[in-house]
Amino acid sequence: MMNGKTDIELLQAIQAGDEKAFKCVFDAYWQRLLAAIVQLIGDEDQAKDILQNTFVTFWDKRGSLIISDSLWPFLFRIAKNDVIDLFRKNKVRLQGMDLLIADLQNHSGIEESISLKELQTEIDAELVKMPQNMKLCFQLSREDDKSVREISRELHLSEQTVKNNISEALRRLRGRLKLT
C-alpha cells in the first residue's frame, strides 16, 4: 500500500490519467526495479534506460491493464522483456541461444528464481563439464557465431560431428537449467 492506496486503487487512478498516482507508483518501485535490472545486466547506465522504458511502457499500456494484486510482477515483466531484447540486440554471450531465451520467455515465474547473470553462471558451469570438442563446437557456434562448416574445418571434425556436439551441448544446458 502506497500513500494509503493499494496498487489496484493506484492503477485505477493511473488509468484515469492521474499523473500523481503514476508518480506514486514510480516512487514506490523504481529503486527495487533498477536494482533488479542492474543485477540482470550488470550495467547501471543501460539499466536506467530500461527502467525509463519500463515506466513509459507502463504509462502507454495503462488503459488496457488488468492487475489483480500487485504492480510489481507486471513492471518486472516489462523490464525483463526489455533485458531480453537488449541481449538479442547486442548479441551478448547469449548470442545464438534462441532456444534458451524462448524457454525463459515461456516459463512464468522464472524471473523470481533465476536472473540472467545466474543463467550465465549456470551455462559456464555446465560448459566446464563438457568434453573439449563439444565445448569448443558450442562456443564457436554460439559465442563466435561460426557456421557448422567453419567449425568443421577449424577443428578438423565432420560436419555431422559438429552438429551432434552442438545439439548435445544444448540438451545438457537445457537439462541443467531445467527448462525442457
C-alpha atoms as a PDB file:
ATOM      1  CA  MET A   1       0.000   0.000   0.000  1.00  0.00           C
ATOM      2  CA  MET A   2       1.378   3.396  -1.017  1.00  0.00           C
ATOM      3  CA  ASN A   3       0.150   6.670   0.438  1.00  0.00           C
ATOM      4  CA  GLY A   4      -2.779   4.760   1.863  1.00  0.00           C
ATOM      5  CA  LYS A   5      -3.745   3.365  -1.550  1.00  0.00           C
ATOM      6  CA  THR A   6      -3.396  -0.165  -2.868  1.00  0.00           C
ATOM      7  CA  ASP A   7      -1.824  -0.956  -6.229  1.00  0.00           C
ATOM      8  CA  ILE A   8      -5.323  -1.579  -7.580  1.00  0.00           C
ATOM      9  CA  GLU A   9      -6.519   1.860  -6.492  1.00  0.00           C
ATOM     10  CA  LEU A  10      -3.397   3.484  -7.916  1.00  0.00           C
ATOM     11  CA  LEU A  11      -3.833   1.635 -11.209  1.00  0.00           C
ATOM     12  CA  GLN A  12      -7.434   2.822 -11.428  1.00  0.00           C
ATOM     13  CA  ALA A  13      -6.271   6.396 -10.861  1.00  0.00           C
ATOM     14  CA  ILE A  14      -3.492   5.993 -13.453  1.00  0.00           C
ATOM     15  CA  GLN A  15      -5.984   4.594 -15.957  1.00  0.00           C
ATOM     16  CA  ALA A  16      -7.984   7.783 -15.429  1.00  0.00           C
ATOM     17  CA  GLY A  17      -4.837   9.773 -16.312  1.00  0.00           C
ATOM     18  CA  ASP A  18      -3.780  10.700 -12.773  1.00  0.00           C
ATOM     19  CA  GLU A  19      -0.095  11.607 -13.051  1.00  0.00           C
ATOM     20  CA  LYS A  20       0.262  11.912  -9.272  1.00  0.00           C
ATOM     21  CA  ALA A  21      -0.770   8.259  -8.899  1.00  0.00           C
ATOM     22  CA  PHE A  22       1.770   7.359 -11.591  1.00  0.00           C
ATOM     23  CA  LYS A  23       4.472   9.263  -9.697  1.00  0.00           C
ATOM     24  CA  CYS A  24       3.465   7.418  -6.532  1.00  0.00           C
ATOM     25  CA  VAL A  25       3.941   4.054  -8.303  1.00  0.00           C
ATOM     26  CA  PHE A  26       7.232   5.240  -9.781  1.00  0.00           C
ATOM     27  CA  ASP A  27       8.493   6.381  -6.373  1.00  0.00           C
ATOM     28  CA  ALA A  28       7.449   3.102  -4.791  1.00  0.00           C
ATOM     29  CA  TYR A  29       9.054   0.772  -7.337  1.00  0.00           C
ATOM     30  CA  TRP A  30      11.896   2.489  -9.193  1.00  0.00           C
ATOM     31  CA  GLN A  31      14.715   1.589  -6.783  1.00  0.00           C
ATOM     32  CA  ARG A  32      13.705  -2.059  -6.474  1.00  0.00           C
ATOM     33  CA  LEU A  33      13.234  -2.346 -10.232  1.00  0.00           C
ATOM     34  CA  LEU A  34      16.543  -0.630 -11.006  1.00  0.00           C
ATOM     35  CA  ALA A  35      18.370  -2.987  -8.630  1.00  0.00           C
ATOM     36  CA  ALA A  36      16.758  -5.998 -10.316  1.00  0.00           C
ATOM     37  CA  ILE A  37      17.698  -4.752 -13.794  1.00  0.00           C
ATOM     38  CA  VAL A  38      21.286  -3.975 -12.748  1.00  0.00           C
ATOM     39  CA  GLN A  39      21.534  -7.488 -11.328  1.00  0.00           C
ATOM     40  CA  LEU A  40      20.346  -8.897 -14.655  1.00  0.00           C
ATOM     41  CA  ILE A  41      22.637  -6.928 -16.960  1.00  0.00           C
ATOM     42  CA  GLY A  42      25.419  -5.558 -14.765  1.00  0.00           C
ATOM     43  CA  ASP A  43      25.389  -2.092 -16.353  1.00  0.00           C
ATOM     44  CA  GLU A  44      23.752   0.722 -14.409  1.00  0.00           C
ATOM     45  CA  ASP A  45      23.505   3.129 -17.361  1.00  0.00           C
ATOM     46  CA  GLN A  46      21.728   0.584 -19.545  1.00  0.00           C
ATOM     47  CA  ALA A  47      19.619  -0.420 -16.553  1.00  0.00           C
ATOM     48  CA  LYS A  48      18.464   3.196 -16.158  1.00  0.00           C
ATOM     49  CA  ASP A  49      17.462   3.267 -19.832  1.00  0.00           C
ATOM     50  CA  ILE A  50      15.484   0.060 -19.374  1.00  0.00           C
ATOM     51  CA  LEU A  51      13.920   1.438 -16.193  1.00  0.00           C
ATOM     52  CA  GLN A  52      12.780   4.553 -18.040  1.00  0.00           C
ATOM     53  CA  ASN A  53      11.389   2.464 -20.893  1.00  0.00           C
ATOM     54  CA  THR A  54       9.582   0.225 -18.398  1.00  0.00           C
ATOM     55  CA  PHE A  55       7.669   3.127 -16.925  1.00  0.00           C
ATOM     56  CA  VAL A  56       6.970   4.655 -20.352  1.00  0.00           C
ATOM     57  CA  THR A  57       5.545   1.302 -21.473  1.00  0.00           C
ATOM     58  CA  PHE A  58       3.532   1.069 -18.251  1.00  0.00           C
ATOM     59  CA  TRP A  59       2.050   4.524 -18.874  1.00  0.00           C
ATOM     60  CA  ASP A  60       1.347   3.729 -22.535  1.00  0.00           C
ATOM     61  CA  LYS A  61      -0.462   0.490 -21.634  1.00  0.00           C
ATOM     62  CA  ARG A  62      -2.271   1.856 -18.595  1.00  0.00           C
ATOM     63  CA  GLY A  63      -5.672   1.790 -20.267  1.00  0.00           C
ATOM     64  CA  SER A  64      -5.575  -1.917 -21.048  1.00  0.00           C
ATOM     65  CA  LEU A  65      -4.070  -3.241 -17.812  1.00  0.00           C
ATOM     66  CA  ILE A  66      -5.838  -5.683 -15.576  1.00  0.00           C
ATOM     67  CA  ILE A  67      -3.930  -6.171 -12.329  1.00  0.00           C
ATOM     68  CA  SER A  68      -5.436  -8.316  -9.604  1.00  0.00           C
ATOM     69  CA  ASP A  69      -2.972  -7.711  -6.799  1.00  0.00           C
ATOM     70  CA  SER A  70       0.401  -6.042  -7.240  1.00  0.00           C
ATOM     71  CA  LEU A  71       2.005  -3.955  -9.958  1.00  0.00           C
ATOM     72  CA  TRP A  72       5.465  -5.406  -9.252  1.00  0.00           C
ATOM     73  CA  PRO A  73       5.147  -8.571 -11.408  1.00  0.00           C
ATOM     74  CA  PHE A  74       3.843  -6.534 -14.329  1.00  0.00           C
ATOM     75  CA  LEU A  75       6.605  -3.921 -14.059  1.00  0.00           C
ATOM     76  CA  PHE A  76       9.252  -6.633 -13.685  1.00  0.00           C
ATOM     77  CA  ARG A  77       7.942  -8.484 -16.752  1.00  0.00           C
ATOM     78  CA  ILE A  78       8.193  -5.325 -18.877  1.00  0.00           C
ATOM     79  CA  ALA A  79      11.778  -4.812 -17.676  1.00  0.00           C
ATOM     80  CA  LYS A  80      12.674  -8.490 -18.194  1.00  0.00           C
ATOM     81  CA  ASN A  81      11.384  -8.375 -21.769  1.00  0.00           C
ATOM     82  CA  ASP A  82      13.463  -5.252 -22.414  1.00  0.00           C
ATOM     83  CA  VAL A  83      16.530  -7.023 -20.990  1.00  0.00           C
ATOM     84  CA  ILE A  84      15.947  -9.980 -23.313  1.00  0.00           C
ATOM     85  CA  ASP A  85      15.616  -7.549 -26.233  1.00  0.00           C
ATOM     86  CA  LEU A  86      18.879  -5.903 -25.172  1.00  0.00           C
ATOM     87  CA  PHE A  87      20.679  -9.248 -25.119  1.00  0.00           C
ATOM     88  CA  ARG A  88      19.311 -10.063 -28.547  1.00  0.00           C
ATOM     89  CA  LYS A  89      20.204  -6.666 -29.968  1.00  0.00           C
ATOM     90  CA  ASN A  90      23.717  -6.595 -28.581  1.00  0.00           C
ATOM     91  CA  LYS A  91      24.303 -10.296 -29.130  1.00  0.00           C
ATOM     92  CA  VAL A  92      25.834 -10.620 -25.688  1.00  0.00           C
ATOM     93  CA  ARG A  93      27.216 -14.025 -24.674  1.00  0.00           C
ATOM     94  CA  LEU A  94      23.754 -15.481 -25.088  1.00  0.00           C
ATOM     95  CA  GLN A  95      24.023 -14.886 -28.847  1.00  0.00           C
ATOM     96  CA  GLY A  96      22.576 -17.735 -30.797  1.00  0.00           C
ATOM     97  CA  MET A  97      20.864 -19.265 -27.783  1.00  0.00           C
ATOM     98  CA  ASP A  98      17.372 -18.537 -29.049  1.00  0.00           C
ATOM     99  CA  LEU A  99      16.053 -21.808 -27.659  1.00  0.00           C
ATOM    100  CA  LEU A 100      17.107 -20.883 -24.153  1.00  0.00           C
ATOM    101  CA  ILE A 101      15.707 -17.373 -24.477  1.00  0.00           C
ATOM    102  CA  ALA A 102      12.435 -18.771 -25.802  1.00  0.00           C
ATOM    103  CA  ASP A 103      12.319 -21.154 -22.857  1.00  0.00           C
ATOM    104  CA  LEU A 104      12.875 -18.228 -20.499  1.00  0.00           C
ATOM    105  CA  GLN A 105      10.002 -16.339 -22.069  1.00  0.00           C
ATOM    106  CA  ASN A 106       7.663 -19.314 -21.855  1.00  0.00           C
ATOM    107  CA  HIS A 107       8.187 -20.158 -18.199  1.00  0.00           C
ATOM    108  CA  SER A 108       6.136 -17.927 -15.953  1.00  0.00           C
ATOM    109  CA  GLY A 109       7.702 -17.198 -12.622  1.00  0.00           C
ATOM    110  CA  ILE A 110      11.227 -17.767 -13.923  1.00  0.00           C
ATOM    111  CA  GLU A 111      12.139 -14.178 -13.053  1.00  0.00           C
ATOM    112  CA  GLU A 112      11.743 -14.960  -9.377  1.00  0.00           C
ATOM    113  CA  SER A 113      14.070 -17.937  -9.491  1.00  0.00           C
ATOM    114  CA  ILE A 114      16.898 -17.084 -11.844  1.00  0.00           C
ATOM    115  CA  SER A 115      18.431 -13.918 -13.210  1.00  0.00           C
ATOM    116  CA  LEU A 116      20.259 -13.708 -16.492  1.00  0.00           C
ATOM    117  CA  LYS A 117      23.553 -13.379 -14.622  1.00  0.00           C
ATOM    118  CA  GLU A 118      22.755 -16.577 -12.761  1.00  0.00           C
ATOM    119  CA  LEU A 119      21.806 -18.124 -16.093  1.00  0.00           C
ATOM    120  CA  GLN A 120      25.239 -17.289 -17.489  1.00  0.00           C
ATOM    121  CA  THR A 121      26.879 -18.750 -14.368  1.00  0.00           C
ATOM    122  CA  GLU A 122      24.900 -21.965 -14.831  1.00  0.00           C
ATOM    123  CA  ILE A 123      25.845 -22.099 -18.517  1.00  0.00           C
ATOM    124  CA  ASP A 124      29.527 -21.581 -17.690  1.00  0.00           C
ATOM    125  CA  ALA A 125      29.399 -24.287 -15.014  1.00  0.00           C
ATOM    126  CA  GLU A 126      27.901 -26.767 -17.470  1.00  0.00           C
ATOM    127  CA  LEU A 127      30.385 -25.836 -20.213  1.00  0.00           C
ATOM    128  CA  VAL A 128      33.286 -26.655 -17.880  1.00  0.00           C
ATOM    129  CA  LYS A 129      31.950 -30.210 -17.515  1.00  0.00           C
ATOM    130  CA  MET A 130      31.623 -30.817 -21.263  1.00  0.00           C
ATOM    131  CA  PRO A 131      34.200 -32.723 -23.326  1.00  0.00           C
ATOM    132  CA  GLN A 132      36.626 -30.339 -25.016  1.00  0.00           C
ATOM    133  CA  ASN A 133      35.321 -30.822 -28.578  1.00  0.00           C
ATOM    134  CA  MET A 134      31.703 -30.389 -27.501  1.00  0.00           C
ATOM    135  CA  LYS A 135      32.549 -27.229 -25.579  1.00  0.00           C
ATOM    136  CA  LEU A 136      34.562 -25.818 -28.484  1.00  0.00           C
ATOM    137  CA  CYS A 137      31.842 -26.609 -31.031  1.00  0.00           C
ATOM    138  CA  PHE A 138      29.233 -24.944 -28.868  1.00  0.00           C
ATOM    139  CA  GLN A 139      31.323 -21.849 -28.114  1.00  0.00           C
ATOM    140  CA  LEU A 140      32.401 -21.367 -31.716  1.00  0.00           C
ATOM    141  CA  SER A 141      28.798 -21.711 -32.833  1.00  0.00           C
ATOM    142  CA  ARG A 142      27.061 -19.642 -30.195  1.00  0.00           C
ATOM    143  CA  GLU A 143      29.650 -17.171 -28.978  1.00  0.00           C
ATOM    144  CA  ASP A 144      31.717 -16.664 -32.140  1.00  0.00           C
ATOM    145  CA  ASP A 145      28.727 -17.110 -34.493  1.00  0.00           C
ATOM    146  CA  LYS A 146      30.565 -19.560 -36.747  1.00  0.00           C
ATOM    147  CA  SER A 147      28.758 -21.913 -39.091  1.00  0.00           C
ATOM    148  CA  VAL A 148      28.899 -25.687 -38.775  1.00  0.00           C
ATOM    149  CA  ARG A 149      31.090 -25.789 -41.884  1.00  0.00           C
ATOM    150  CA  GLU A 150      33.557 -23.243 -40.425  1.00  0.00           C
ATOM    151  CA  ILE A 151      33.761 -25.146 -37.145  1.00  0.00           C
ATOM    152  CA  SER A 152      34.224 -28.419 -39.007  1.00  0.00           C
ATOM    153  CA  ARG A 153      37.190 -27.005 -40.910  1.00  0.00           C
ATOM    154  CA  GLU A 154      38.714 -25.315 -37.867  1.00  0.00           C
ATOM    155  CA  LEU A 155      38.521 -28.381 -35.608  1.00  0.00           C
ATOM    156  CA  HIS A 156      39.069 -30.988 -38.336  1.00  0.00           C
ATOM    157  CA  LEU A 157      35.789 -32.730 -37.488  1.00  0.00           C
ATOM    158  CA  SER A 158      32.979 -33.872 -39.763  1.00  0.00           C
ATOM    159  CA  GLU A 159      30.023 -31.517 -40.059  1.00  0.00           C
ATOM    160  CA  GLN A 160      27.768 -34.183 -38.544  1.00  0.00           C
ATOM    161  CA  THR A 161      30.063 -34.476 -35.510  1.00  0.00           C
ATOM    162  CA  VAL A 162      29.919 -30.705 -35.057  1.00  0.00           C
ATOM    163  CA  LYS A 163      26.093 -30.749 -35.295  1.00  0.00           C
ATOM    164  CA  ASN A 164      25.912 -33.624 -32.813  1.00  0.00           C
ATOM    165  CA  ASN A 165      28.215 -31.821 -30.372  1.00  0.00           C
ATOM    166  CA  ILE A 166      26.173 -28.612 -30.540  1.00  0.00           C
ATOM    167  CA  SER A 167      22.887 -30.498 -30.120  1.00  0.00           C
ATOM    168  CA  GLU A 168      24.209 -32.436 -27.140  1.00  0.00           C
ATOM    169  CA  ALA A 169      25.601 -29.254 -25.564  1.00  0.00           C
ATOM    170  CA  LEU A 170      22.193 -27.563 -25.896  1.00  0.00           C
ATOM    171  CA  ARG A 171      20.455 -30.647 -24.473  1.00  0.00           C
ATOM    172  CA  ARG A 172      22.796 -30.626 -21.466  1.00  0.00           C
ATOM    173  CA  LEU A 173      22.291 -26.904 -20.918  1.00  0.00           C
ATOM    174  CA  ARG A 174      18.518 -27.201 -21.070  1.00  0.00           C
ATOM    175  CA  GLY A 175      18.730 -30.101 -18.628  1.00  0.00           C
ATOM    176  CA  ARG A 176      20.948 -28.112 -16.284  1.00  0.00           C
ATOM    177  CA  LEU A 177      18.553 -25.195 -16.403  1.00  0.00           C
ATOM    178  CA  LYS A 178      15.520 -27.484 -16.091  1.00  0.00           C
ATOM    179  CA  LEU A 179      13.800 -25.694 -18.948  1.00  0.00           C
ATOM    180  CA  THR A 180      12.834 -28.692 -21.038  1.00  0.00           C
END
